[in-house]
N, C-alpha and C. Protein backbone atom coordinates (compact mmCIF):
# COMPACT_ATOMS: atom_id res chain seq x y z
N UNK A 1 81.55 17.40 31.33
CA UNK A 1 81.27 18.74 31.11
C UNK A 1 80.15 18.84 30.07
N UNK A 2 79.09 19.65 30.23
CA UNK A 2 78.02 19.82 29.30
C UNK A 2 78.31 21.08 28.48
N UNK A 3 78.09 21.06 27.23
CA UNK A 3 78.25 22.15 26.32
C UNK A 3 77.07 22.27 25.43
N UNK A 4 76.58 23.45 25.34
CA UNK A 4 75.49 23.77 24.44
C UNK A 4 75.97 24.66 23.29
N UNK A 5 75.77 24.21 22.08
CA UNK A 5 76.22 24.94 20.96
C UNK A 5 75.01 25.39 20.08
N UNK A 6 74.95 26.62 19.77
CA UNK A 6 73.84 27.09 18.95
C UNK A 6 74.50 27.80 17.72
N UNK A 7 73.92 27.45 16.56
CA UNK A 7 74.43 28.08 15.32
C UNK A 7 73.33 28.72 14.53
N UNK A 8 73.47 29.96 14.19
CA UNK A 8 72.47 30.64 13.36
C UNK A 8 73.25 31.14 12.20
N UNK A 9 72.62 31.01 11.00
CA UNK A 9 73.38 31.47 9.77
C UNK A 9 73.46 32.98 9.84
N UNK A 10 74.57 33.47 9.35
CA UNK A 10 74.82 34.87 9.35
C UNK A 10 73.81 35.63 8.52
N UNK A 11 73.22 34.96 7.48
CA UNK A 11 72.20 35.63 6.66
C UNK A 11 70.95 35.90 7.50
N UNK A 12 70.52 34.95 8.38
CA UNK A 12 69.37 35.28 9.21
C UNK A 12 69.65 36.44 10.15
N UNK A 13 70.77 36.46 10.73
CA UNK A 13 71.19 37.55 11.70
C UNK A 13 71.17 38.89 10.85
N UNK A 14 71.84 38.81 9.70
CA UNK A 14 71.91 40.10 8.90
C UNK A 14 70.58 40.58 8.57
N UNK A 15 69.60 39.67 8.17
CA UNK A 15 68.26 40.08 7.80
C UNK A 15 67.53 40.73 8.99
N UNK A 16 67.64 40.11 10.14
CA UNK A 16 66.97 40.62 11.35
C UNK A 16 67.49 41.94 11.77
N UNK A 17 68.77 42.10 11.75
CA UNK A 17 69.42 43.36 12.11
C UNK A 17 69.17 44.49 11.07
N UNK A 18 69.01 44.20 9.86
CA UNK A 18 68.77 45.11 8.82
C UNK A 18 67.42 45.76 9.04
N UNK A 19 66.40 44.99 9.43
CA UNK A 19 65.07 45.47 9.65
C UNK A 19 64.86 46.09 10.98
N UNK A 20 65.73 45.87 11.98
CA UNK A 20 65.49 46.23 13.36
C UNK A 20 65.23 47.75 13.56
N UNK A 21 65.97 48.66 12.99
CA UNK A 21 65.65 50.10 13.23
C UNK A 21 64.21 50.45 12.68
N UNK A 22 63.82 49.98 11.57
CA UNK A 22 62.47 50.26 11.02
C UNK A 22 61.40 49.63 11.90
N UNK A 23 61.70 48.41 12.33
CA UNK A 23 60.67 47.70 13.18
C UNK A 23 60.53 48.39 14.53
N UNK A 24 61.66 48.90 15.04
CA UNK A 24 61.67 49.65 16.29
C UNK A 24 60.77 50.87 16.19
N UNK A 25 60.97 51.65 15.10
CA UNK A 25 60.15 52.83 14.88
C UNK A 25 58.69 52.52 14.72
N UNK A 26 58.37 51.47 13.95
CA UNK A 26 57.03 51.03 13.78
C UNK A 26 56.41 50.62 15.11
N UNK A 27 57.14 49.94 15.92
CA UNK A 27 56.64 49.55 17.29
C UNK A 27 56.41 50.79 18.18
N UNK A 28 57.28 51.75 18.14
CA UNK A 28 57.08 52.95 18.90
C UNK A 28 55.76 53.68 18.46
N UNK A 29 55.59 53.84 17.13
CA UNK A 29 54.38 54.46 16.61
C UNK A 29 53.15 53.73 17.04
N UNK A 30 53.18 52.42 16.84
CA UNK A 30 52.01 51.62 17.28
C UNK A 30 51.75 51.82 18.76
N UNK A 31 52.83 51.75 19.56
CA UNK A 31 52.60 51.86 21.08
C UNK A 31 52.09 53.30 21.37
N UNK A 32 52.58 54.31 20.70
CA UNK A 32 52.14 55.67 20.95
C UNK A 32 50.62 55.80 20.61
N UNK A 33 50.25 55.22 19.48
CA UNK A 33 48.86 55.23 19.20
C UNK A 33 47.94 54.57 20.20
N UNK A 34 48.34 53.40 20.66
CA UNK A 34 47.59 52.75 21.71
C UNK A 34 47.57 53.58 23.04
N UNK A 35 48.74 54.09 23.36
CA UNK A 35 48.84 54.89 24.61
C UNK A 35 47.99 56.17 24.44
N UNK A 36 48.04 56.79 23.27
CA UNK A 36 47.32 58.00 23.07
C UNK A 36 45.82 57.87 23.26
N UNK A 37 45.31 56.74 22.78
CA UNK A 37 43.86 56.42 23.01
C UNK A 37 43.60 56.25 24.51
N UNK A 38 44.45 55.54 25.14
CA UNK A 38 44.24 55.23 26.58
C UNK A 38 44.21 56.57 27.40
N UNK A 39 45.24 57.40 27.18
CA UNK A 39 45.41 58.68 27.94
C UNK A 39 44.19 59.64 27.56
N UNK A 40 43.93 59.75 26.26
CA UNK A 40 42.83 60.61 25.80
C UNK A 40 41.49 60.16 26.48
N UNK A 41 41.18 58.87 26.48
CA UNK A 41 40.04 58.38 27.09
C UNK A 41 40.04 58.62 28.62
N UNK A 42 41.12 58.51 29.19
CA UNK A 42 41.19 58.81 30.70
C UNK A 42 40.90 60.24 31.00
N UNK A 43 41.49 61.15 30.21
CA UNK A 43 41.22 62.59 30.41
C UNK A 43 39.75 62.88 30.25
N UNK A 44 39.15 62.38 29.21
CA UNK A 44 37.70 62.54 29.02
C UNK A 44 36.85 62.01 30.14
N UNK A 45 37.28 60.86 30.66
CA UNK A 45 36.55 60.26 31.76
C UNK A 45 36.69 61.18 32.99
N UNK A 46 37.80 61.69 33.25
CA UNK A 46 38.04 62.58 34.42
C UNK A 46 37.15 63.79 34.37
N UNK A 47 37.00 64.33 33.16
CA UNK A 47 36.10 65.55 32.93
C UNK A 47 34.65 65.15 33.08
N UNK A 48 34.29 64.03 32.49
CA UNK A 48 32.84 63.70 32.46
C UNK A 48 32.26 63.17 33.78
N UNK A 49 33.00 62.39 34.49
CA UNK A 49 32.54 61.65 35.66
C UNK A 49 32.53 62.59 36.88
N UNK A 50 31.33 62.64 37.47
CA UNK A 50 31.22 63.28 38.75
C UNK A 50 31.76 62.34 39.79
N UNK A 51 31.76 62.62 41.06
CA UNK A 51 31.21 63.80 41.60
C UNK A 51 32.12 65.02 41.60
N UNK A 52 31.62 66.14 41.37
CA UNK A 52 32.37 67.35 41.46
C UNK A 52 31.83 68.09 42.73
N UNK A 53 32.70 68.78 43.43
CA UNK A 53 32.25 69.33 44.71
C UNK A 53 32.26 70.85 44.81
N UNK A 54 32.44 71.49 43.60
CA UNK A 54 32.51 72.92 43.59
C UNK A 54 31.10 73.56 43.68
N UNK A 55 30.98 74.84 43.40
CA UNK A 55 29.73 75.51 43.56
C UNK A 55 28.75 75.17 42.42
N UNK A 56 27.47 75.15 42.73
CA UNK A 56 26.46 74.89 41.71
C UNK A 56 25.85 76.20 41.28
N UNK A 57 26.28 76.63 40.07
CA UNK A 57 25.73 77.85 39.50
C UNK A 57 24.45 77.59 38.80
N UNK A 58 23.45 78.44 39.05
CA UNK A 58 22.12 78.19 38.50
C UNK A 58 22.18 78.19 36.93
N UNK A 59 23.03 78.93 36.35
CA UNK A 59 23.14 79.02 34.92
C UNK A 59 23.87 77.83 34.24
N UNK A 60 24.54 77.00 35.03
CA UNK A 60 25.26 75.88 34.50
C UNK A 60 24.55 74.55 34.73
N UNK A 61 24.66 73.65 33.77
CA UNK A 61 24.03 72.36 33.87
C UNK A 61 24.56 71.52 35.05
N UNK A 62 25.85 71.49 35.23
CA UNK A 62 26.44 70.63 36.29
C UNK A 62 27.13 71.41 37.32
N UNK A 63 27.25 70.75 38.47
CA UNK A 63 28.01 71.35 39.58
C UNK A 63 29.49 71.62 39.05
N UNK A 64 30.01 72.76 39.39
CA UNK A 64 31.39 73.03 38.99
C UNK A 64 32.43 72.25 39.80
N UNK A 65 33.62 72.16 39.36
CA UNK A 65 34.67 71.46 40.02
C UNK A 65 35.31 72.33 41.12
N UNK A 66 35.85 71.76 42.05
CA UNK A 66 36.64 72.44 43.14
C UNK A 66 38.14 72.40 42.76
N UNK A 67 38.94 73.16 43.32
CA UNK A 67 40.43 73.09 43.06
C UNK A 67 40.89 71.72 43.39
N UNK A 68 41.69 71.19 42.54
CA UNK A 68 42.23 69.77 42.72
C UNK A 68 41.45 68.76 41.96
N UNK A 69 40.27 69.06 41.57
CA UNK A 69 39.40 68.14 40.78
C UNK A 69 39.53 68.49 39.27
N UNK A 70 39.27 67.50 38.46
CA UNK A 70 39.22 67.71 37.02
C UNK A 70 38.08 68.69 36.70
N UNK A 71 38.16 69.49 35.66
CA UNK A 71 37.05 70.43 35.38
C UNK A 71 35.72 69.64 35.19
N UNK A 72 34.57 70.34 35.59
CA UNK A 72 33.31 69.72 35.29
C UNK A 72 32.93 69.87 33.82
N UNK A 73 32.15 68.89 33.38
CA UNK A 73 31.75 68.92 32.00
C UNK A 73 30.51 69.76 31.85
N UNK A 74 30.67 71.01 31.42
CA UNK A 74 29.56 71.89 31.43
C UNK A 74 29.01 71.99 29.98
N UNK A 75 29.78 72.28 28.95
CA UNK A 75 29.31 72.38 27.59
C UNK A 75 29.74 71.16 26.74
N UNK A 76 30.70 70.45 27.20
CA UNK A 76 31.20 69.31 26.39
C UNK A 76 32.35 69.70 25.46
N UNK A 77 32.71 70.99 25.34
CA UNK A 77 33.66 71.40 24.47
C UNK A 77 35.06 70.94 24.90
N UNK A 78 35.32 71.08 26.22
CA UNK A 78 36.65 70.59 26.75
C UNK A 78 36.81 69.09 26.48
N UNK A 79 35.82 68.34 26.94
CA UNK A 79 35.90 66.85 26.83
C UNK A 79 36.11 66.48 25.29
N UNK A 80 35.34 67.03 24.47
CA UNK A 80 35.43 66.74 23.06
C UNK A 80 36.75 67.20 22.36
N UNK A 81 37.30 68.22 22.98
CA UNK A 81 38.53 68.80 22.50
C UNK A 81 39.84 68.07 22.91
N UNK A 82 39.64 66.98 23.69
CA UNK A 82 40.78 66.14 24.12
C UNK A 82 41.25 65.32 22.91
N UNK A 83 42.48 65.48 22.49
CA UNK A 83 42.99 64.71 21.34
C UNK A 83 44.42 64.24 21.63
N UNK A 84 44.88 63.30 20.76
CA UNK A 84 46.26 62.90 20.78
C UNK A 84 46.83 62.91 19.43
N UNK A 85 48.07 63.04 19.24
CA UNK A 85 48.70 63.07 17.90
C UNK A 85 50.05 62.38 18.00
N UNK A 86 50.40 61.48 17.14
CA UNK A 86 51.68 60.88 17.07
C UNK A 86 52.42 61.50 15.92
N UNK A 87 53.47 62.22 16.30
CA UNK A 87 54.27 63.02 15.32
C UNK A 87 55.37 62.16 14.64
N UNK A 88 56.08 61.49 15.47
CA UNK A 88 57.13 60.59 14.96
C UNK A 88 57.24 59.42 15.85
N UNK A 89 58.22 58.58 15.64
CA UNK A 89 58.42 57.43 16.49
C UNK A 89 58.89 57.83 17.88
N UNK A 90 59.30 59.04 18.08
CA UNK A 90 59.84 59.53 19.36
C UNK A 90 59.02 60.71 19.96
N UNK A 91 57.80 61.03 19.39
CA UNK A 91 57.09 62.16 19.85
C UNK A 91 55.57 61.90 19.71
N UNK A 92 54.90 61.96 20.82
CA UNK A 92 53.43 61.94 20.89
C UNK A 92 52.95 63.11 21.76
N UNK A 93 51.87 63.70 21.42
CA UNK A 93 51.25 64.76 22.29
C UNK A 93 49.87 64.29 22.59
N UNK A 94 49.39 64.66 23.80
CA UNK A 94 48.02 64.37 24.17
C UNK A 94 47.62 65.53 25.05
N UNK A 95 46.37 65.99 24.88
CA UNK A 95 45.93 67.05 25.70
C UNK A 95 44.63 67.63 25.10
N UNK A 96 44.20 68.76 25.67
CA UNK A 96 42.98 69.41 25.14
C UNK A 96 43.33 70.49 24.21
N UNK A 97 42.45 70.76 23.21
CA UNK A 97 42.71 71.69 22.14
C UNK A 97 41.89 72.97 22.28
N UNK A 98 41.19 73.11 23.37
CA UNK A 98 40.37 74.34 23.53
C UNK A 98 41.30 75.39 24.19
N UNK A 99 40.95 76.67 23.91
CA UNK A 99 41.81 77.77 24.33
C UNK A 99 41.87 77.86 25.83
N UNK A 100 40.96 77.43 26.62
CA UNK A 100 40.93 77.62 28.03
C UNK A 100 41.40 76.40 28.83
N UNK A 101 41.78 75.33 28.14
CA UNK A 101 42.23 74.10 28.83
C UNK A 101 43.44 74.36 29.67
N UNK A 102 44.44 75.07 29.12
CA UNK A 102 45.67 75.30 29.86
C UNK A 102 45.40 76.16 31.13
N UNK A 103 44.52 77.10 30.96
CA UNK A 103 44.13 77.97 32.04
C UNK A 103 43.58 77.11 33.20
N UNK A 104 42.61 76.20 32.85
CA UNK A 104 41.98 75.34 33.88
C UNK A 104 43.05 74.47 34.52
N UNK A 105 43.93 73.90 33.74
CA UNK A 105 44.95 72.94 34.33
C UNK A 105 45.98 73.71 35.16
N UNK A 106 46.52 74.76 34.68
CA UNK A 106 47.67 75.33 35.33
C UNK A 106 47.33 76.49 36.33
N UNK A 107 46.42 77.37 35.95
CA UNK A 107 46.08 78.58 36.75
C UNK A 107 45.01 78.31 37.73
N UNK A 108 43.94 77.53 37.34
CA UNK A 108 42.77 77.38 38.19
C UNK A 108 42.90 76.05 39.00
N UNK A 109 43.93 75.29 38.83
CA UNK A 109 44.10 74.14 39.65
C UNK A 109 43.11 73.03 39.44
N UNK A 110 42.72 72.87 38.13
CA UNK A 110 41.81 71.76 37.73
C UNK A 110 42.52 70.78 36.88
N UNK A 111 43.34 69.95 37.50
CA UNK A 111 44.22 69.09 36.75
C UNK A 111 43.42 67.91 36.08
N UNK A 112 43.51 67.86 34.79
CA UNK A 112 42.88 66.73 34.05
C UNK A 112 43.99 66.04 33.21
N UNK A 113 44.72 66.75 32.44
CA UNK A 113 45.77 66.15 31.63
C UNK A 113 46.84 65.56 32.51
N UNK A 114 47.37 66.34 33.45
CA UNK A 114 48.36 65.80 34.33
C UNK A 114 47.98 64.61 35.14
N UNK A 115 46.77 64.65 35.67
CA UNK A 115 46.22 63.53 36.38
C UNK A 115 46.13 62.29 35.54
N UNK A 116 45.65 62.42 34.34
CA UNK A 116 45.46 61.27 33.47
C UNK A 116 46.84 60.65 33.09
N UNK A 117 47.87 61.52 32.85
CA UNK A 117 49.17 61.07 32.51
C UNK A 117 49.80 60.27 33.69
N UNK A 118 49.62 60.77 34.89
CA UNK A 118 50.15 60.16 36.10
C UNK A 118 49.50 58.78 36.30
N UNK A 119 48.19 58.78 36.15
CA UNK A 119 47.40 57.56 36.36
C UNK A 119 47.65 56.47 35.35
N UNK A 120 48.09 56.83 34.12
CA UNK A 120 48.27 55.85 33.11
C UNK A 120 49.71 55.55 32.78
N UNK A 121 50.63 56.27 33.49
CA UNK A 121 52.04 56.20 33.13
C UNK A 121 52.60 54.79 32.94
N UNK A 122 52.41 53.90 33.93
CA UNK A 122 52.95 52.61 33.93
C UNK A 122 52.37 51.76 32.78
N UNK A 123 51.09 51.97 32.53
CA UNK A 123 50.44 51.23 31.44
C UNK A 123 50.88 51.66 30.12
N UNK A 124 51.22 52.99 29.99
CA UNK A 124 51.77 53.57 28.67
C UNK A 124 53.12 52.97 28.50
N UNK A 125 53.93 52.87 29.52
CA UNK A 125 55.28 52.30 29.30
C UNK A 125 55.20 50.82 28.86
N UNK A 126 54.26 50.10 29.44
CA UNK A 126 54.07 48.69 29.12
C UNK A 126 53.54 48.52 27.67
N UNK A 127 52.67 49.48 27.27
CA UNK A 127 52.19 49.41 25.87
C UNK A 127 53.26 49.65 24.89
N UNK A 128 54.17 50.59 25.20
CA UNK A 128 55.28 50.91 24.32
C UNK A 128 56.21 49.66 24.18
N UNK A 129 56.52 49.12 25.36
CA UNK A 129 57.42 47.98 25.40
C UNK A 129 56.86 46.84 24.64
N UNK A 130 55.59 46.48 24.80
CA UNK A 130 54.98 45.34 24.12
C UNK A 130 54.84 45.65 22.62
N UNK A 131 54.58 46.83 22.18
CA UNK A 131 54.48 47.18 20.80
C UNK A 131 55.82 47.04 20.13
N UNK A 132 56.86 47.49 20.75
CA UNK A 132 58.17 47.44 20.13
C UNK A 132 58.65 46.00 20.08
N UNK A 133 58.41 45.26 21.15
CA UNK A 133 58.71 43.80 21.12
C UNK A 133 58.03 43.10 20.02
N UNK A 134 56.72 43.39 19.84
CA UNK A 134 55.93 42.71 18.82
C UNK A 134 56.46 43.02 17.49
N UNK A 135 56.90 44.26 17.15
CA UNK A 135 57.46 44.60 15.93
C UNK A 135 58.87 44.00 15.64
N UNK A 136 59.66 43.94 16.73
CA UNK A 136 61.02 43.49 16.59
C UNK A 136 61.00 41.95 16.31
N UNK A 137 59.96 41.26 16.72
CA UNK A 137 59.88 39.79 16.55
C UNK A 137 59.42 39.44 15.15
N UNK A 138 59.01 40.40 14.33
CA UNK A 138 58.50 40.17 12.97
C UNK A 138 59.69 39.77 12.03
C-alpha cells in the first residue's frame, strides 16, 4: 500500500487564512480595474468604428447608425464620456456619462454598453478569477 503524507505547520496555515479575506478583496478590485478598462475600451471601439448604415445627414460629420448598431461617433462626447468606476470589491460600474447615452441605448435601439458587456463577459470573468488567484497566492 502506498501512502502519501503531507505536513504543514499550523502557523503557515493560520497566516495564509488570516490574510485570505483581504487578499480576496484586493484581487476583486484588481480584476475589476482590469475588466473596467477592457469593457470601457470595447464600448469606445463600438462607437468609433464604422461602418454605420444609417442616414447620412448633411449637417453631421459621419453617417448615423441604424437601429441595432452602436451609435455613430458624431461629436466625440459619447465616446469620451465612457468611463468605469470600481466602488468596492463587489461593485464596478461601466457605461457612458452623457445625458443622452441611456436614451440611445434603451429607447433608440443603439446598443453600445450592453453589446460590449456581452462581447467581453467571458474575458471579464477570467480576469476576475486570475486576479483573485494571484492575490490569494501571495
